[in-house]
Amino acid sequence: MDRGGADGCPELPARAIGEGLEIGGRGLVIVDAVTDRWGVTVHPDGQGRTVWFECQPSPGDGQFGESAGEAVGA
């Protein structure tokens, strides 16, 4: 599965960890923790960027496939 998000900021995002109960600063840390691969593509015109990520399914994890049915019926 490939996904991502774009914005108009031309600067590369930086990983940071917010302190305490701060609202921001955890986005890329979370993306890194839950995805298999991610990166940033700067728009050719320099007017923004897209942060993209990939998540690979685990072996045997079919979406509504046999694995799910077996677990429910067990």
C-alpha atoms as a PDB file:
ATOM      1  CA  MET A   1       0.000   0.000   0.000  1.00  0.00           C
ATOM      2  CA  ASP A   2       1.398   3.397  -0.943  1.00  0.00           C
ATOM      3  CA  ARG A   3       0.154   6.599   0.604  1.00  0.00           C
ATOM      4  CA  GLY A   4       1.393  10.071   1.319  1.00  0.00           C
ATOM      5  CA  GLY A   5       0.557  13.675   1.872  1.00  0.00           C
ATOM      6  CA  ALA A   6       1.591  16.909   0.228  1.00  0.00           C
ATOM      7  CA  ASP A   7       1.862  20.489   1.403  1.00  0.00           C
ATOM      8  CA  GLY A   8       3.205  23.801   0.156  1.00  0.00           C
ATOM      9  CA  CYS A   9       6.277  23.953   2.400  1.00  0.00           C
ATOM     10  CA  PRO A  10       9.505  23.674   0.386  1.00  0.00           C
ATOM     11  CA  GLU A  11      11.650  22.711   3.414  1.00  0.00           C
ATOM     12  CA  LEU A  12      12.465  19.108   4.199  1.00  0.00           C
ATOM     13  CA  PRO A  13      10.749  17.863   7.353  1.00  0.00           C
ATOM     14  CA  ALA A  14      12.939  17.068  10.330  1.00  0.00           C
ATOM     15  CA  ARG A  15      12.418  14.358  12.904  1.00  0.00           C
ATOM     16  CA  ALA A  16      11.864  15.755  16.360  1.00  0.00           C
ATOM     17  CA  ILE A  17      10.374  14.453  19.547  1.00  0.00           C
ATOM     18  CA  GLY A  18       8.028  16.785  21.363  1.00  0.00           C
ATOM     19  CA  GLU A  19       8.467  17.094  25.074  1.00  0.00           C
ATOM     20  CA  GLY A  20       5.781  16.295  27.579  1.00  0.00           C
ATOM     21  CA  LEU A  21       2.319  17.047  26.281  1.00  0.00           C
ATOM     22  CA  GLU A  22       3.343  19.281  23.368  1.00  0.00           C
ATOM     23  CA  ILE A  23       1.001  19.026  20.392  1.00  0.00           C
ATOM     24  CA  GLY A  24       3.605  18.666  17.638  1.00  0.00           C
ATOM     25  CA  GLY A  25       6.911  17.024  16.976  1.00  0.00           C
ATOM     26  CA  ARG A  26       5.996  13.352  16.704  1.00  0.00           C
ATOM     27  CA  GLY A  27       4.752  12.930  13.123  1.00  0.00           C
ATOM     28  CA  LEU A  28       7.854  11.502  11.448  1.00  0.00           C
ATOM     29  CA  VAL A  29       8.720   9.424  14.511  1.00  0.00           C
ATOM     30  CA  ILE A  30       5.306   7.747  14.211  1.00  0.00           C
ATOM     31  CA  VAL A  31       5.589   7.362  10.426  1.00  0.00           C
ATOM     32  CA  ASP A  32       9.006   5.727  10.872  1.00  0.00           C
ATOM     33  CA  ALA A  33       7.698   3.371  13.561  1.00  0.00           C
ATOM     34  CA  VAL A  34       4.673   2.057  11.652  1.00  0.00           C
ATOM     35  CA  THR A  35       5.813   1.933   8.020  1.00  0.00           C
ATOM     36  CA  ASP A  36       8.254  -0.227   6.108  1.00  0.00           C
ATOM     37  CA  ARG A  37       9.686   2.634   4.086  1.00  0.00           C
ATOM     38  CA  TRP A  38       9.132   6.379   3.786  1.00  0.00           C
ATOM     39  CA  GLY A  39      10.693   9.450   2.236  1.00  0.00           C
ATOM     40  CA  VAL A  40      10.207  13.001   1.030  1.00  0.00           C
ATOM     41  CA  THR A  41       9.963  14.238  -2.543  1.00  0.00           C
ATOM     42  CA  VAL A  42      10.396  17.962  -3.135  1.00  0.00           C
ATOM     43  CA  HIS A  43       8.161  19.267  -5.934  1.00  0.00           C
ATOM     44  CA  PRO A  44      10.147  20.137  -9.091  1.00  0.00           C
ATOM     45  CA  ASP A  45       9.023  23.769  -8.934  1.00  0.00           C
ATOM     46  CA  GLY A  46      10.313  24.056  -5.347  1.00  0.00           C
ATOM     47  CA  GLN A  47       6.855  25.046  -4.127  1.00  0.00           C
ATOM     48  CA  GLY A  48       6.194  22.138  -1.785  1.00  0.00           C
ATOM     49  CA  ARG A  49       6.906  18.558  -0.847  1.00  0.00           C
ATOM     50  CA  THR A  50       5.253  15.175  -0.577  1.00  0.00           C
ATOM     51  CA  VAL A  51       5.950  12.844   2.309  1.00  0.00           C
ATOM     52  CA  TRP A  52       5.250   9.274   1.138  1.00  0.00           C
ATOM     53  CA  PHE A  53       5.287   5.890   2.837  1.00  0.00           C
ATOM     54  CA  GLU A  54       4.872   2.189   2.095  1.00  0.00           C
ATOM     55  CA  CYS A  55       3.382  -0.547   4.244  1.00  0.00           C
ATOM     56  CA  GLN A  56       3.884  -4.158   3.194  1.00  0.00           C
ATOM     57  CA  PRO A  57       1.403  -6.802   4.344  1.00  0.00           C
ATOM     58  CA  SER A  58       2.727  -9.537   6.588  1.00  0.00           C
ATOM     59  CA  PRO A  59       2.885 -13.011   5.013  1.00  0.00           C
ATOM     60  CA  GLY A  60      -0.495 -14.723   5.335  1.00  0.00           C
ATOM     61  CA  ASP A  61      -2.341 -11.522   6.204  1.00  0.00           C
ATOM     62  CA  GLY A  62      -4.955 -11.349   3.471  1.00  0.00           C
ATOM     63  CA  GLN A  63      -7.526  -8.610   3.602  1.00  0.00           C
ATOM     64  CA  PHE A  64     -10.666 -10.588   4.493  1.00  0.00           C
ATOM     65  CA  GLY A  65      -8.813 -13.706   3.357  1.00  0.00           C
ATOM     66  CA  GLU A  66      -8.552 -17.221   4.770  1.00  0.00           C
ATOM     67  CA  SER A  67      -6.342 -16.161   7.670  1.00  0.00           C
ATOM     68  CA  ALA A  68      -9.023 -13.836   9.043  1.00  0.00           C
ATOM     69  CA  GLY A  69     -11.763 -16.445   8.565  1.00  0.00           C
ATOM     70  CA  GLU A  70      -9.774 -19.150  10.302  1.00  0.00           C
ATOM     71  CA  ALA A  71      -9.109 -16.923  13.280  1.00  0.00           C
ATOM     72  CA  VAL A  72     -12.801 -16.078  13.637  1.00  0.00           C
ATOM     73  CA  GLY A  73     -13.933 -19.693  13.233  1.00  0.00           C
ATOM     74  CA  ALA A  74     -11.349 -21.140  15.635  1.00  0.00           C
END
